Amino acid sequence: MKVSNLEPNSKVINLVVEIESLEEPTITPTEQKVQEGIVSDDTGQVKISLWNEHVGVFKTGDKISMSSG
């Protein structure tokens, strides 16, 4: 699957992407850690949100596999 194949509210994904940028982590009112960023492949870019144990694990330029299910 490629970024260009994603549709709003996609339930099933299986992507290998590169992290283009990451914002500074924040804490939600319910004490959850969240970090927003942009990932891409050769077909496009998409915004992601990393939560809790995934915050601070990755850096710009990392290639990651994202999957659901």
Protein backbone atom coordinates (compact mmCIF):
# COMPACT_ATOMS: atom_id res chain seq x y z
CA MET A 1 0.00 0.00 0.00
CA LYS A 2 1.15 3.56 -0.73
CA VAL A 3 0.22 6.92 0.81
CA SER A 4 -1.74 7.77 -2.36
CA ASN A 5 -4.00 4.75 -1.67
CA LEU A 6 -5.12 6.07 1.71
CA GLU A 7 -8.68 7.30 2.10
CA PRO A 8 -10.21 9.29 4.96
CA ASN A 9 -10.80 7.05 7.99
CA SER A 10 -8.88 4.13 6.46
CA LYS A 11 -9.22 1.15 8.82
CA VAL A 12 -6.64 -1.15 7.24
CA ILE A 13 -3.19 0.17 6.43
CA ASN A 14 0.20 -1.32 5.70
CA LEU A 15 2.73 1.39 4.80
CA VAL A 16 6.48 1.91 4.79
CA VAL A 17 7.13 5.64 5.07
CA GLU A 18 9.86 8.12 5.93
CA ILE A 19 9.41 10.67 8.70
CA GLU A 20 9.69 14.12 7.12
CA SER A 21 9.08 16.22 10.22
CA LEU A 22 8.02 15.94 13.85
CA GLU A 23 6.61 18.64 16.11
CA GLU A 24 7.49 18.99 19.77
CA PRO A 25 5.49 16.57 21.95
CA THR A 26 2.59 17.92 23.96
CA ILE A 27 0.49 16.65 26.88
CA THR A 28 -3.29 16.48 26.55
CA PRO A 29 -5.64 17.54 29.38
CA THR A 30 -6.00 13.81 30.20
CA GLU A 31 -2.19 13.46 30.60
CA GLN A 32 -1.67 11.65 27.28
CA LYS A 33 1.55 12.37 25.36
CA VAL A 34 1.06 13.19 21.66
CA GLN A 35 3.44 14.17 18.86
CA GLU A 36 2.30 15.22 15.39
CA GLY A 37 4.34 14.83 12.24
CA ILE A 38 4.47 14.32 8.50
CA VAL A 39 5.45 11.04 6.82
CA SER A 40 5.85 10.32 3.12
CA ASP A 41 6.60 7.77 0.44
CA ASP A 42 7.18 8.21 -3.29
CA THR A 43 3.45 8.93 -3.86
CA GLY A 44 2.70 11.62 -1.27
CA GLN A 45 2.63 12.86 2.31
CA VAL A 46 0.26 12.37 5.23
CA LYS A 47 -0.03 13.77 8.74
CA ILE A 48 0.34 11.36 11.65
CA SER A 49 -0.14 11.50 15.41
CA LEU A 50 2.12 9.45 17.68
CA TRP A 51 0.72 8.63 21.10
CA ASN A 52 2.23 7.79 24.49
CA GLU A 53 4.91 5.08 24.18
CA HIS A 54 5.63 6.07 20.56
CA VAL A 55 6.40 9.71 21.42
CA GLY A 56 10.11 10.52 21.28
CA VAL A 57 11.05 7.15 19.76
CA PHE A 58 11.48 8.32 16.16
CA LYS A 59 13.39 11.13 14.47
CA THR A 60 13.27 12.91 11.13
CA GLY A 61 14.63 10.66 8.37
CA ASP A 62 13.64 7.38 10.04
CA LYS A 63 11.86 4.85 7.83
CA ILE A 64 9.01 3.18 9.63
CA SER A 65 6.43 0.53 8.94
CA MET A 66 2.86 1.43 9.87
CA SER A 67 0.15 -1.19 10.01
CA SER A 68 -3.25 -1.76 11.55
CA GLY A 69 -5.16 -4.83 12.53
